[in-house]
Amino acid sequence: MSPKIHNYENLADSLIEKFNQRGIEGYYCESKEEARNMAKRFLTPGCSVTWGGSMTLEEIGLIEDLKNSDYSIIDRTSAKTPEEARALYSKIVTADYFFMSSNAITLDGQLINIDGNGNRVACLITGPKNVVIIAGMNKIVTDVESGIQRVRNFAAPPNAVRLNRQTPCAQLGRCANCLAPDSICSQIVVTRRSHIPNRIKVILVGEELGY
């Protein structure tokens, strides 16, 4: 085991203790393959499953697995019109399982997420029965402020490029604190604890995943 992986394990152990104090279930997987398999072990026969936009979920192959499964899948990208999207959202918020990543996680176990439309953070806050977060250890930050800066300067710019948004960060590669119509930084949510104990589950992965 490399010193880096060993350190990831030690850090994950301390984070899981912090999660437990906040009513959040914490787990650690060394690889994305292990994380993908662990995530699916939470699911129960016939359950409804959905997810928020996440490069991490794509990178570990979870979304593809879910789409090819026998679970009741709610895929927000299947909507063709605003009316269909609204109808799908009413199902998403009552899903049994909602998968997502977190933009940043502090050393004391707080989750930091910045969203454009807000559908992802809304489901994190309330609605789906279970929220399963998968995050690479590259998402760990010292505190809330450094987490917000991480998202604005290192996660949002490549996401804006990926989504073809007309924002300053897509051009500059860093946050310009804009109020552009295409901004994907409309809501900043810091999750201090899970109000419903163990509703939120975090799988930390000993790899660099997502933005």
N, C-alpha and C. Protein backbone atom coordinates (compact mmCIF):
# COMPACT_ATOMS: atom_id res chain seq x y z
N MET A 1 0.84 -1.20 0.00
CA MET A 1 0.00 0.00 0.00
C MET A 1 0.87 1.25 0.00
N SER A 2 0.56 2.18 -0.90
CA SER A 2 1.35 3.40 -1.00
C SER A 2 1.05 4.31 0.18
N PRO A 3 2.00 5.20 0.53
CA PRO A 3 1.74 6.15 1.62
C PRO A 3 0.49 7.00 1.36
N LYS A 4 0.24 7.34 0.10
CA LYS A 4 -0.92 8.17 -0.22
C LYS A 4 -2.21 7.43 0.10
N ILE A 5 -2.31 6.16 -0.32
CA ILE A 5 -3.50 5.37 -0.05
C ILE A 5 -3.67 5.13 1.44
N HIS A 6 -2.55 4.88 2.12
CA HIS A 6 -2.59 4.69 3.57
C HIS A 6 -3.13 5.94 4.25
N ASN A 7 -2.68 7.09 3.79
CA ASN A 7 -3.15 8.35 4.37
C ASN A 7 -4.64 8.56 4.09
N TYR A 8 -5.07 8.19 2.87
CA TYR A 8 -6.50 8.29 2.54
C TYR A 8 -7.33 7.48 3.54
N GLU A 9 -6.87 6.27 3.86
CA GLU A 9 -7.60 5.42 4.79
C GLU A 9 -7.68 6.05 6.18
N ASN A 10 -6.55 6.59 6.63
CA ASN A 10 -6.52 7.24 7.94
C ASN A 10 -7.46 8.44 7.98
N LEU A 11 -7.41 9.24 6.91
CA LEU A 11 -8.26 10.43 6.84
C LEU A 11 -9.73 10.03 6.78
N ALA A 12 -10.03 8.99 5.99
CA ALA A 12 -11.42 8.53 5.88
C ALA A 12 -11.94 8.05 7.23
N ASP A 13 -11.11 7.36 8.00
CA ASP A 13 -11.53 6.88 9.32
C ASP A 13 -11.93 8.04 10.22
N SER A 14 -11.14 9.11 10.19
CA SER A 14 -11.46 10.25 11.05
C SER A 14 -12.71 10.98 10.55
N LEU A 15 -12.89 11.03 9.23
CA LEU A 15 -14.09 11.66 8.67
C LEU A 15 -15.34 10.87 9.01
N ILE A 16 -15.24 9.56 8.95
CA ILE A 16 -16.40 8.72 9.26
C ILE A 16 -16.84 8.94 10.70
N GLU A 17 -15.90 9.15 11.62
CA GLU A 17 -16.24 9.47 13.00
C GLU A 17 -17.00 10.79 13.07
N LYS A 18 -16.56 11.77 12.30
CA LYS A 18 -17.24 13.07 12.27
C LYS A 18 -18.63 12.93 11.67
N PHE A 19 -18.75 12.13 10.61
CA PHE A 19 -20.07 11.90 10.01
C PHE A 19 -21.04 11.31 11.04
N ASN A 20 -20.56 10.32 11.78
CA ASN A 20 -21.41 9.66 12.77
C ASN A 20 -21.96 10.66 13.79
N GLN A 21 -21.15 11.63 14.16
CA GLN A 21 -21.59 12.66 15.11
C GLN A 21 -22.68 13.54 14.50
N ARG A 22 -22.73 13.58 13.17
CA ARG A 22 -23.69 14.43 12.47
C ARG A 22 -24.88 13.64 11.92
N GLY A 23 -25.03 12.39 12.34
CA GLY A 23 -26.16 11.58 11.89
C GLY A 23 -26.03 11.09 10.47
N ILE A 24 -24.79 11.08 9.95
CA ILE A 24 -24.51 10.65 8.58
C ILE A 24 -23.76 9.33 8.62
N GLU A 25 -24.14 8.38 7.79
CA GLU A 25 -23.41 7.12 7.68
C GLU A 25 -22.20 7.32 6.78
N GLY A 26 -21.05 6.87 7.23
CA GLY A 26 -19.84 7.02 6.43
C GLY A 26 -19.18 5.69 6.11
N TYR A 27 -18.64 5.59 4.90
CA TYR A 27 -17.96 4.38 4.44
C TYR A 27 -16.72 4.79 3.64
N TYR A 28 -15.79 3.86 3.51
CA TYR A 28 -14.61 4.11 2.69
C TYR A 28 -14.35 2.93 1.77
N CYS A 29 -14.08 3.23 0.51
CA CYS A 29 -13.69 2.22 -0.48
C CYS A 29 -12.39 2.66 -1.12
N GLU A 30 -11.50 1.73 -1.33
CA GLU A 30 -10.20 2.08 -1.91
C GLU A 30 -10.30 2.42 -3.38
N SER A 31 -11.23 1.79 -4.11
CA SER A 31 -11.32 2.00 -5.56
C SER A 31 -12.73 2.35 -5.98
N LYS A 32 -12.85 2.88 -7.20
CA LYS A 32 -14.16 3.22 -7.73
C LYS A 32 -15.01 1.98 -7.99
N GLU A 33 -14.36 0.86 -8.30
CA GLU A 33 -15.11 -0.39 -8.50
C GLU A 33 -15.76 -0.83 -7.20
N GLU A 34 -15.01 -0.76 -6.10
CA GLU A 34 -15.56 -1.11 -4.80
C GLU A 34 -16.70 -0.16 -4.43
N ALA A 35 -16.53 1.12 -4.73
CA ALA A 35 -17.56 2.11 -4.40
C ALA A 35 -18.84 1.85 -5.19
N ARG A 36 -18.69 1.52 -6.47
CA ARG A 36 -19.87 1.23 -7.30
C ARG A 36 -20.64 0.04 -6.73
N ASN A 37 -19.93 -1.00 -6.36
CA ASN A 37 -20.59 -2.19 -5.82
C ASN A 37 -21.23 -1.92 -4.46
N MET A 38 -20.54 -1.14 -3.62
CA MET A 38 -21.11 -0.81 -2.32
C MET A 38 -22.40 0.00 -2.48
N ALA A 39 -22.38 0.96 -3.40
CA ALA A 39 -23.56 1.80 -3.62
C ALA A 39 -24.77 0.96 -3.99
N LYS A 40 -24.56 -0.05 -4.81
CA LYS A 40 -25.68 -0.89 -5.25
C LYS A 40 -26.18 -1.81 -4.15
N ARG A 41 -25.34 -2.08 -3.16
CA ARG A 41 -25.76 -2.95 -2.07
C ARG A 41 -26.81 -2.29 -1.16
N PHE A 42 -26.90 -0.98 -1.21
CA PHE A 42 -27.93 -0.29 -0.44
C PHE A 42 -29.33 -0.54 -1.00
N LEU A 43 -29.41 -0.79 -2.29
CA LEU A 43 -30.70 -0.86 -2.98
C LEU A 43 -31.47 -2.12 -2.62
N THR A 44 -32.79 -1.97 -2.60
CA THR A 44 -33.68 -3.08 -2.26
C THR A 44 -34.56 -3.42 -3.47
N PRO A 45 -35.02 -4.65 -3.59
CA PRO A 45 -35.83 -5.05 -4.75
C PRO A 45 -37.04 -4.15 -4.95
N GLY A 46 -37.22 -3.69 -6.18
CA GLY A 46 -38.37 -2.89 -6.53
C GLY A 46 -38.29 -1.43 -6.13
N CYS A 47 -37.16 -0.99 -5.56
CA CYS A 47 -37.05 0.39 -5.10
C CYS A 47 -36.94 1.35 -6.28
N SER A 48 -37.31 2.60 -6.03
CA SER A 48 -37.16 3.64 -7.05
C SER A 48 -35.83 4.35 -6.84
N VAL A 49 -35.14 4.61 -7.95
CA VAL A 49 -33.77 5.14 -7.90
C VAL A 49 -33.62 6.29 -8.88
N THR A 50 -32.92 7.33 -8.45
CA THR A 50 -32.63 8.46 -9.32
C THR A 50 -31.30 9.08 -8.90
N TRP A 51 -30.89 10.13 -9.59
CA TRP A 51 -29.59 10.72 -9.30
C TRP A 51 -29.54 12.18 -9.76
N GLY A 52 -28.60 12.92 -9.19
CA GLY A 52 -28.34 14.28 -9.64
C GLY A 52 -27.15 14.30 -10.57
N GLY A 53 -26.98 15.40 -11.28
CA GLY A 53 -25.85 15.50 -12.20
C GLY A 53 -24.53 15.32 -11.48
N SER A 54 -23.69 14.41 -11.98
CA SER A 54 -22.43 14.11 -11.28
C SER A 54 -21.46 13.42 -12.20
N MET A 55 -20.28 14.02 -12.38
CA MET A 55 -19.23 13.35 -13.13
C MET A 55 -18.69 12.15 -12.38
N THR A 56 -18.70 12.23 -11.05
CA THR A 56 -18.23 11.10 -10.23
C THR A 56 -19.05 9.85 -10.50
N LEU A 57 -20.37 9.99 -10.50
CA LEU A 57 -21.24 8.83 -10.75
C LEU A 57 -21.00 8.26 -12.14
N GLU A 58 -20.73 9.16 -13.10
CA GLU A 58 -20.42 8.70 -14.46
C GLU A 58 -19.09 7.95 -14.47
N GLU A 59 -18.08 8.51 -13.81
CA GLU A 59 -16.74 7.94 -13.84
C GLU A 59 -16.66 6.55 -13.21
N ILE A 60 -17.44 6.32 -12.18
CA ILE A 60 -17.38 5.01 -11.53
C ILE A 60 -18.28 3.99 -12.22
N GLY A 61 -19.07 4.43 -13.19
CA GLY A 61 -19.92 3.52 -13.95
C GLY A 61 -21.25 3.20 -13.29
N LEU A 62 -21.62 3.96 -12.25
CA LEU A 62 -22.85 3.65 -11.52
C LEU A 62 -24.10 3.96 -12.34
N ILE A 63 -24.12 5.08 -13.03
CA ILE A 63 -25.32 5.45 -13.78
C ILE A 63 -25.63 4.43 -14.87
N GLU A 64 -24.60 3.98 -15.57
CA GLU A 64 -24.80 2.96 -16.60
C GLU A 64 -25.36 1.67 -15.99
N ASP A 65 -24.81 1.28 -14.84
CA ASP A 65 -25.30 0.08 -14.16
C ASP A 65 -26.77 0.23 -13.78
N LEU A 66 -27.14 1.40 -13.26
CA LEU A 66 -28.52 1.62 -12.83
C LEU A 66 -29.48 1.58 -14.01
N LYS A 67 -29.07 2.19 -15.12
CA LYS A 67 -29.93 2.21 -16.31
C LYS A 67 -30.16 0.80 -16.86
N ASN A 68 -29.22 -0.09 -16.61
CA ASN A 68 -29.34 -1.47 -17.10
C ASN A 68 -29.87 -2.43 -16.03
N SER A 69 -30.41 -1.86 -14.95
CA SER A 69 -30.88 -2.69 -13.85
C SER A 69 -32.40 -2.89 -13.92
N ASP A 70 -32.91 -3.65 -12.96
CA ASP A 70 -34.36 -3.91 -12.88
C ASP A 70 -35.05 -2.99 -11.88
N TYR A 71 -34.33 -2.04 -11.34
CA TYR A 71 -34.96 -1.11 -10.40
C TYR A 71 -35.86 -0.13 -11.14
N SER A 72 -36.70 0.56 -10.39
CA SER A 72 -37.57 1.58 -10.97
C SER A 72 -36.76 2.86 -11.13
N ILE A 73 -36.28 3.11 -12.34
CA ILE A 73 -35.36 4.21 -12.60
C ILE A 73 -36.11 5.48 -12.99
N ILE A 74 -35.74 6.58 -12.38
CA ILE A 74 -36.29 7.89 -12.73
C ILE A 74 -35.14 8.72 -13.29
N ASP A 75 -35.10 8.89 -14.58
CA ASP A 75 -33.99 9.57 -15.25
C ASP A 75 -34.45 10.95 -15.71
N ARG A 76 -33.98 11.98 -15.02
CA ARG A 76 -34.44 13.34 -15.33
C ARG A 76 -34.05 13.78 -16.74
N THR A 77 -33.01 13.18 -17.31
CA THR A 77 -32.58 13.57 -18.66
C THR A 77 -33.51 13.05 -19.74
N SER A 78 -34.47 12.20 -19.37
CA SER A 78 -35.40 11.67 -20.37
C SER A 78 -36.52 12.65 -20.71
N ALA A 79 -36.66 13.71 -19.91
CA ALA A 79 -37.72 14.70 -20.16
C ALA A 79 -37.45 15.47 -21.45
N LYS A 80 -38.47 15.61 -22.27
CA LYS A 80 -38.34 16.32 -23.55
C LYS A 80 -38.87 17.76 -23.50
N THR A 81 -39.73 18.04 -22.54
CA THR A 81 -40.34 19.36 -22.42
C THR A 81 -40.29 19.81 -20.96
N PRO A 82 -40.46 21.11 -20.70
CA PRO A 82 -40.51 21.58 -19.31
C PRO A 82 -41.62 20.91 -18.50
N GLU A 83 -42.73 20.60 -19.17
CA GLU A 83 -43.84 19.94 -18.49
C GLU A 83 -43.46 18.52 -18.06
N GLU A 84 -42.75 17.81 -18.95
CA GLU A 84 -42.28 16.47 -18.60
C GLU A 84 -41.25 16.52 -17.48
N ALA A 85 -40.39 17.53 -17.53
CA ALA A 85 -39.38 17.68 -16.48
C ALA A 85 -40.04 17.92 -15.13
N ARG A 86 -41.07 18.73 -15.10
CA ARG A 86 -41.78 19.01 -13.85
C ARG A 86 -42.45 17.75 -13.32
N ALA A 87 -43.05 16.98 -14.23
CA ALA A 87 -43.71 15.75 -13.81
C ALA A 87 -42.70 14.75 -13.27
N LEU A 88 -41.53 14.67 -13.91
CA LEU A 88 -40.48 13.77 -13.43
C LEU A 88 -39.97 14.19 -12.07
N TYR A 89 -39.85 15.51 -11.88
CA TYR A 89 -39.31 15.99 -10.61
C TYR A 89 -40.21 15.60 -9.45
N SER A 90 -41.50 15.57 -9.69
CA SER A 90 -42.43 15.17 -8.62
C SER A 90 -42.19 13.72 -8.20
N LYS A 91 -41.65 12.90 -9.12
CA LYS A 91 -41.29 11.52 -8.78
C LYS A 91 -39.91 11.45 -8.13
N ILE A 92 -39.01 12.30 -8.61
CA ILE A 92 -37.65 12.30 -8.07
C ILE A 92 -37.64 12.60 -6.57
N VAL A 93 -38.42 13.57 -6.15
CA VAL A 93 -38.38 13.98 -4.74
C VAL A 93 -39.01 12.95 -3.81
N THR A 94 -39.71 11.96 -4.37
CA THR A 94 -40.27 10.91 -3.53
C THR A 94 -39.59 9.56 -3.78
N ALA A 95 -38.42 9.59 -4.44
CA ALA A 95 -37.69 8.35 -4.73
C ALA A 95 -37.18 7.70 -3.45
N ASP A 96 -36.95 6.40 -3.54
CA ASP A 96 -36.38 5.68 -2.39
C ASP A 96 -34.90 6.00 -2.22
N TYR A 97 -34.19 6.15 -3.36
CA TYR A 97 -32.74 6.41 -3.31
C TYR A 97 -32.37 7.49 -4.31
N PHE A 98 -31.60 8.45 -3.81
CA PHE A 98 -31.09 9.54 -4.66
C PHE A 98 -29.57 9.51 -4.56
N PHE A 99 -28.89 9.32 -5.69
CA PHE A 99 -27.43 9.30 -5.73
C PHE A 99 -26.90 10.65 -6.20
N MET A 100 -25.76 11.05 -5.63
CA MET A 100 -25.13 12.30 -6.01
C MET A 100 -23.68 12.26 -5.53
N SER A 101 -22.92 13.29 -5.86
CA SER A 101 -21.63 13.49 -5.23
C SER A 101 -21.72 14.75 -4.39
N SER A 102 -20.65 15.13 -3.76
CA SER A 102 -20.60 16.38 -3.02
C SER A 102 -19.46 17.20 -3.59
N ASN A 103 -19.68 18.50 -3.74
CA ASN A 103 -18.63 19.35 -4.31
C ASN A 103 -17.42 19.46 -3.39
N ALA A 104 -17.66 19.39 -2.09
CA ALA A 104 -16.56 19.44 -1.13
C ALA A 104 -17.06 18.87 0.20
N ILE A 105 -16.11 18.37 0.99
CA ILE A 105 -16.41 17.82 2.32
C ILE A 105 -15.33 18.32 3.26
N THR A 106 -15.75 18.92 4.37
CA THR A 106 -14.77 19.48 5.31
C THR A 106 -14.20 18.41 6.22
N LEU A 107 -13.08 18.71 6.82
CA LEU A 107 -12.43 17.77 7.73
C LEU A 107 -13.29 17.45 8.95
N ASP A 108 -14.24 18.32 9.28
CA ASP A 108 -15.12 18.03 10.41
C ASP A 108 -16.46 17.44 9.95
N GLY A 109 -16.54 17.02 8.68
CA GLY A 109 -17.69 16.25 8.22
C GLY A 109 -18.86 17.02 7.65
N GLN A 110 -18.69 18.28 7.30
CA GLN A 110 -19.77 19.04 6.68
C GLN A 110 -19.70 18.90 5.15
N LEU A 111 -20.88 18.89 4.53
CA LEU A 111 -20.98 18.74 3.08
C LEU A 111 -21.26 20.10 2.45
N ILE A 112 -20.50 20.43 1.42
CA ILE A 112 -20.65 21.72 0.74
C ILE A 112 -21.03 21.48 -0.70
N ASN A 113 -22.14 22.09 -1.13
CA ASN A 113 -22.61 21.92 -2.50
C ASN A 113 -23.11 23.24 -3.06
N ILE A 114 -22.75 23.50 -4.31
CA ILE A 114 -23.21 24.69 -5.02
C ILE A 114 -23.95 24.23 -6.26
N ASP A 115 -25.11 24.81 -6.49
CA ASP A 115 -25.99 24.33 -7.57
C ASP A 115 -26.55 25.49 -8.39
N GLY A 116 -26.95 25.16 -9.60
CA GLY A 116 -27.56 26.15 -10.48
C GLY A 116 -29.07 26.15 -10.30
N ASN A 117 -29.73 25.13 -10.84
CA ASN A 117 -31.19 25.05 -10.71
C ASN A 117 -31.62 24.72 -9.28
N GLY A 118 -30.80 23.99 -8.57
CA GLY A 118 -31.11 23.68 -7.19
C GLY A 118 -31.78 22.33 -6.98
N ASN A 119 -32.06 21.59 -8.07
CA ASN A 119 -32.74 20.30 -7.91
C ASN A 119 -31.89 19.30 -7.12
N ARG A 120 -30.57 19.34 -7.32
CA ARG A 120 -29.69 18.40 -6.64
C ARG A 120 -29.64 18.69 -5.14
N VAL A 121 -29.40 19.94 -4.78
CA VAL A 121 -29.31 20.26 -3.36
C VAL A 121 -30.67 20.17 -2.67
N ALA A 122 -31.74 20.40 -3.44
CA ALA A 122 -33.08 20.27 -2.85
C ALA A 122 -33.32 18.84 -2.40
N CYS A 123 -32.90 17.88 -3.23
CA CYS A 123 -33.09 16.47 -2.87
C CYS A 123 -32.15 16.04 -1.75
N LEU A 124 -31.00 16.67 -1.67
CA LEU A 124 -30.11 16.41 -0.54
C LEU A 124 -30.77 16.85 0.75
N ILE A 125 -31.42 17.98 0.72
CA ILE A 125 -32.01 18.55 1.93
C ILE A 125 -33.23 17.76 2.39
N THR A 126 -34.13 17.45 1.44
CA THR A 126 -35.38 16.77 1.82
C THR A 126 -35.99 16.10 0.61
N GLY A 127 -36.84 15.11 0.85
CA GLY A 127 -37.55 14.44 -0.25
C GLY A 127 -37.24 12.96 -0.32
N PRO A 128 -36.23 12.57 -1.12
CA PRO A 128 -35.91 11.14 -1.24
C PRO A 128 -35.65 10.50 0.11
N LYS A 129 -36.05 9.23 0.23
CA LYS A 129 -35.92 8.53 1.51
C LYS A 129 -34.46 8.35 1.92
N ASN A 130 -33.61 8.06 0.94
CA ASN A 130 -32.18 7.87 1.19
C ASN A 130 -31.36 8.68 0.19
N VAL A 131 -30.31 9.32 0.66
CA VAL A 131 -29.37 10.03 -0.21
C VAL A 131 -28.01 9.36 -0.06
N VAL A 132 -27.47 8.89 -1.18
CA VAL A 132 -26.16 8.23 -1.16
C VAL A 132 -25.18 9.11 -1.93
N ILE A 133 -24.17 9.61 -1.22
CA ILE A 133 -23.16 10.49 -1.80
C ILE A 133 -21.88 9.70 -2.02
N ILE A 134 -21.32 9.81 -3.22
CA ILE A 134 -20.04 9.16 -3.53
C ILE A 134 -19.05 10.26 -3.88
N ALA A 135 -17.92 10.30 -3.18
CA ALA A 135 -16.97 11.39 -3.38
C ALA A 135 -15.54 10.90 -3.28
N GLY A 136 -14.71 11.32 -4.23
CA GLY A 136 -13.29 11.03 -4.18
C GLY A 136 -12.62 11.82 -3.07
N MET A 137 -11.49 11.35 -2.61
CA MET A 137 -10.79 12.03 -1.52
C MET A 137 -10.23 13.38 -1.95
N ASN A 138 -10.23 13.66 -3.25
CA ASN A 138 -9.83 14.98 -3.72
C ASN A 138 -10.82 16.07 -3.33
N LYS A 139 -11.99 15.68 -2.84
CA LYS A 139 -13.01 16.65 -2.46
C LYS A 139 -12.85 17.15 -1.02
N ILE A 140 -11.90 16.58 -0.28
CA ILE A 140 -11.75 16.95 1.13
C ILE A 140 -11.06 18.31 1.26
N VAL A 141 -11.62 19.17 2.11
CA VAL A 141 -11.07 20.51 2.34
C VAL A 141 -10.99 20.77 3.84
N THR A 142 -10.30 21.81 4.21
CA THR A 142 -10.11 22.08 5.64
C THR A 142 -11.36 22.61 6.32
N ASP A 143 -12.07 23.53 5.66
CA ASP A 143 -13.23 24.15 6.30
C ASP A 143 -14.23 24.62 5.25
N VAL A 144 -15.33 25.18 5.71
CA VAL A 144 -16.41 25.59 4.81
C VAL A 144 -15.94 26.63 3.80
N GLU A 145 -15.23 27.64 4.25
CA GLU A 145 -14.80 28.70 3.34
C GLU A 145 -13.88 28.16 2.24
N SER A 146 -12.92 27.30 2.63
CA SER A 146 -12.04 26.73 1.61
C SER A 146 -12.81 25.81 0.68
N GLY A 147 -13.87 25.17 1.19
CA GLY A 147 -14.71 24.33 0.35
C GLY A 147 -15.44 25.14 -0.69
N ILE A 148 -15.99 26.28 -0.28
CA ILE A 148 -16.70 27.15 -1.23
C ILE A 148 -15.73 27.65 -2.29
N GLN A 149 -14.53 28.03 -1.88
CA GLN A 149 -13.54 28.49 -2.84
C GLN A 149 -13.12 27.36 -3.77
N ARG A 150 -13.03 26.15 -3.25
CA ARG A 150 -12.69 25.01 -4.11
C ARG A 150 -13.74 24.83 -5.19
N VAL A 151 -15.02 24.87 -4.79
CA VAL A 151 -16.09 24.67 -5.76
C VAL A 151 -16.08 25.77 -6.81
N ARG A 152 -15.97 27.00 -6.36
CA ARG A 152 -16.05 28.12 -7.30
C ARG A 152 -14.88 28.14 -8.28
N ASN A 153 -13.70 27.79 -7.82
CA ASN A 153 -12.51 27.96 -8.67
C ASN A 153 -12.01 26.69 -9.34
N PHE A 154 -12.39 25.52 -8.80
CA PHE A 154 -11.87 24.28 -9.37
C PHE A 154 -12.94 23.31 -9.86
N ALA A 155 -14.17 23.45 -9.38
CA ALA A 155 -15.24 22.55 -9.82
C ALA A 155 -16.18 23.24 -10.81
N ALA A 156 -16.60 24.45 -10.49
CA ALA A 156 -17.56 25.14 -11.35
C ALA A 156 -17.02 25.46 -12.75
N PRO A 157 -15.77 25.95 -12.89
CA PRO A 157 -15.30 26.29 -14.25
C PRO A 157 -15.34 25.12 -15.24
N PRO A 158 -14.78 23.93 -14.91
CA PRO A 158 -14.88 22.83 -15.87
C PRO A 158 -16.31 22.35 -16.08
N ASN A 159 -17.14 22.45 -15.03
CA ASN A 159 -18.54 22.08 -15.20
C ASN A 159 -19.25 23.03 -16.15
N ALA A 160 -18.92 24.31 -16.06
CA ALA A 160 -19.51 25.30 -16.96
C ALA A 160 -19.10 25.03 -18.41
N VAL A 161 -17.85 24.61 -18.59
CA VAL A 161 -17.38 24.24 -19.93
C VAL A 161 -18.13 23.01 -20.42
N ARG A 162 -18.25 22.01 -19.55
CA ARG A 162 -18.94 20.76 -19.91
C ARG A 162 -20.38 21.01 -20.32
N LEU A 163 -21.03 21.94 -19.62
CA LEU A 163 -22.44 22.24 -19.88
C LEU A 163 -22.63 23.32 -20.93
N ASN A 164 -21.50 23.79 -21.50
CA ASN A 164 -21.55 24.83 -22.53
C ASN A 164 -22.24 26.10 -22.04
N ARG A 165 -21.92 26.50 -20.82
CA ARG A 165 -22.51 27.71 -20.24
C ARG A 165 -21.68 28.94 -20.62
N GLN A 166 -22.38 30.02 -20.85
CA GLN A 166 -21.72 31.28 -21.19
C GLN A 166 -21.47 32.07 -19.91
N THR A 167 -20.41 31.70 -19.23
CA THR A 167 -20.06 32.35 -17.97
C THR A 167 -18.59 32.78 -18.00
N PRO A 168 -18.22 33.77 -17.20
CA PRO A 168 -16.81 34.17 -17.15
C PRO A 168 -15.88 33.02 -16.76
N CYS A 169 -16.32 32.16 -15.83
CA CYS A 169 -15.43 31.09 -15.38
C CYS A 169 -15.14 30.10 -16.50
N ALA A 170 -16.07 29.93 -17.43
CA ALA A 170 -15.85 29.02 -18.56
C ALA A 170 -14.75 29.55 -19.47
N GLN A 171 -14.56 30.86 -19.46
CA GLN A 171 -13.54 31.49 -20.29
C GLN A 171 -12.23 31.69 -19.54
N LEU A 172 -12.34 32.03 -18.24
CA LEU A 172 -11.15 32.38 -17.46
C LEU A 172 -10.54 31.19 -16.73
N GLY A 173 -11.34 30.14 -16.47
CA GLY A 173 -10.85 29.01 -15.70
C GLY A 173 -10.85 29.25 -14.21
N ARG A 174 -11.49 30.31 -13.76
CA ARG A 174 -11.60 30.64 -12.34
C ARG A 174 -12.86 31.44 -12.11
N CYS A 175 -13.30 31.52 -10.86
CA CYS A 175 -14.52 32.23 -10.54
C CYS A 175 -14.36 33.75 -10.70
N ALA A 176 -15.38 34.38 -11.27
CA ALA A 176 -15.40 35.84 -11.38
C ALA A 176 -16.55 36.41 -10.56
N ASN A 177 -17.12 35.58 -9.67
CA ASN A 177 -18.23 36.00 -8.82
C ASN A 177 -19.35 36.63 -9.65
N CYS A 178 -19.69 35.98 -10.76
CA CYS A 178 -20.62 36.56 -11.72
C CYS A 178 -22.08 36.36 -11.31
N LEU A 179 -22.94 37.12 -11.95
CA LEU A 179 -24.39 36.97 -11.85
C LEU A 179 -24.96 36.72 -13.24
N ALA A 180 -24.19 36.04 -14.07
CA ALA A 180 -24.60 35.76 -15.44
C ALA A 180 -25.83 34.87 -15.48
N PRO A 181 -26.69 35.03 -16.50
CA PRO A 181 -27.88 34.18 -16.62
C PRO A 181 -27.54 32.69 -16.66
N ASP A 182 -26.37 32.34 -17.17
CA ASP A 182 -25.97 30.94 -17.29
C ASP A 182 -25.23 30.42 -16.06
N SER A 183 -25.12 31.23 -15.02
CA SER A 183 -24.36 30.81 -13.83
C SER A 183 -24.89 29.51 -13.25
N ILE A 184 -23.98 28.63 -12.86
CA ILE A 184 -24.37 27.38 -12.21
C ILE A 184 -24.13 27.47 -10.70
N CYS A 185 -23.96 28.68 -10.20
CA CYS A 185 -23.69 28.90 -8.77
C CYS A 185 -24.79 29.76 -8.15
N SER A 186 -26.02 29.27 -8.18
CA SER A 186 -27.15 30.03 -7.66
C SER A 186 -27.41 29.76 -6.18
N GLN A 187 -27.18 28.52 -5.75
CA GLN A 187 -27.42 28.15 -4.36
C GLN A 187 -26.15 27.57 -3.74
N ILE A 188 -25.86 27.98 -2.53
CA ILE A 188 -24.76 27.42 -1.76
C ILE A 188 -25.36 26.75 -0.53
N VAL A 189 -25.17 25.45 -0.41
CA VAL A 189 -25.77 24.69 0.68
C VAL A 189 -24.68 24.01 1.51
N VAL A 190 -24.70 24.25 2.79
CA VAL A 190 -23.79 23.58 3.72
C VAL A 190 -24.63 22.66 4.61
N THR A 191 -24.36 21.37 4.54
CA THR A 191 -25.10 20.39 5.33
C THR A 191 -24.30 20.07 6.58
N ARG A 192 -24.77 20.54 7.72
CA ARG A 192 -24.09 20.33 9.00
C ARG A 192 -24.38 18.96 9.60
N ARG A 193 -25.61 18.45 9.34
CA ARG A 193 -26.02 17.18 9.91
C ARG A 193 -27.20 16.63 9.13
N SER A 194 -27.47 15.36 9.30
CA SER A 194 -28.66 14.76 8.72
C SER A 194 -29.77 14.82 9.75
N HIS A 195 -30.82 15.59 9.44
CA HIS A 195 -31.91 15.74 10.41
C HIS A 195 -32.57 14.40 10.69
N ILE A 196 -32.70 13.56 9.66
CA ILE A 196 -33.17 12.18 9.84
C ILE A 196 -31.92 11.31 9.95
N PRO A 197 -31.66 10.72 11.08
CA PRO A 197 -30.42 9.95 11.27
C PRO A 197 -30.21 8.90 10.18
N ASN A 198 -29.02 8.92 9.60
CA ASN A 198 -28.57 7.95 8.61
C ASN A 198 -29.31 8.01 7.27
N ARG A 199 -30.14 9.04 7.07
CA ARG A 199 -30.74 9.23 5.74
C ARG A 199 -29.66 9.49 4.71
N ILE A 200 -28.65 10.29 5.09
CA ILE A 200 -27.54 10.60 4.19
C ILE A 200 -26.41 9.61 4.44
N LYS A 201 -25.92 9.01 3.38
CA LYS A 201 -24.82 8.07 3.44
C LYS A 201 -23.71 8.56 2.53
N VAL A 202 -22.49 8.58 3.01
CA VAL A 202 -21.36 9.07 2.23
C VAL A 202 -20.36 7.94 2.02
N ILE A 203 -20.06 7.65 0.76
CA ILE A 203 -19.02 6.69 0.43
C ILE A 203 -17.80 7.46 -0.06
N LEU A 204 -16.75 7.47 0.74
CA LEU A 204 -15.50 8.11 0.36
C LEU A 204 -14.68 7.11 -0.47
N VAL A 205 -14.04 7.61 -1.50
CA VAL A 205 -13.28 6.74 -2.42
C VAL A 205 -11.83 7.19 -2.47
N GLY A 206 -10.91 6.25 -2.34
CA GLY A 206 -9.49 6.57 -2.33
C GLY A 206 -8.92 6.85 -3.71
N GLU A 207 -9.63 7.64 -4.50
CA GLU A 207 -9.20 8.05 -5.83
C GLU A 207 -9.63 9.50 -6.06
N GLU A 208 -9.06 10.11 -7.08
CA GLU A 208 -9.53 11.44 -7.47
C GLU A 208 -10.66 11.27 -8.48
N LEU A 209 -11.84 11.75 -8.11
CA LEU A 209 -13.02 11.59 -8.95
C LEU A 209 -13.73 12.92 -9.12
N GLY A 210 -14.34 13.12 -10.29
CA GLY A 210 -15.13 14.31 -10.53
C GLY A 210 -14.28 15.56 -10.57
N TYR A 211 -14.95 16.71 -10.42
CA TYR A 211 -14.27 17.99 -10.47
C TYR A 211 -14.11 18.55 -9.06
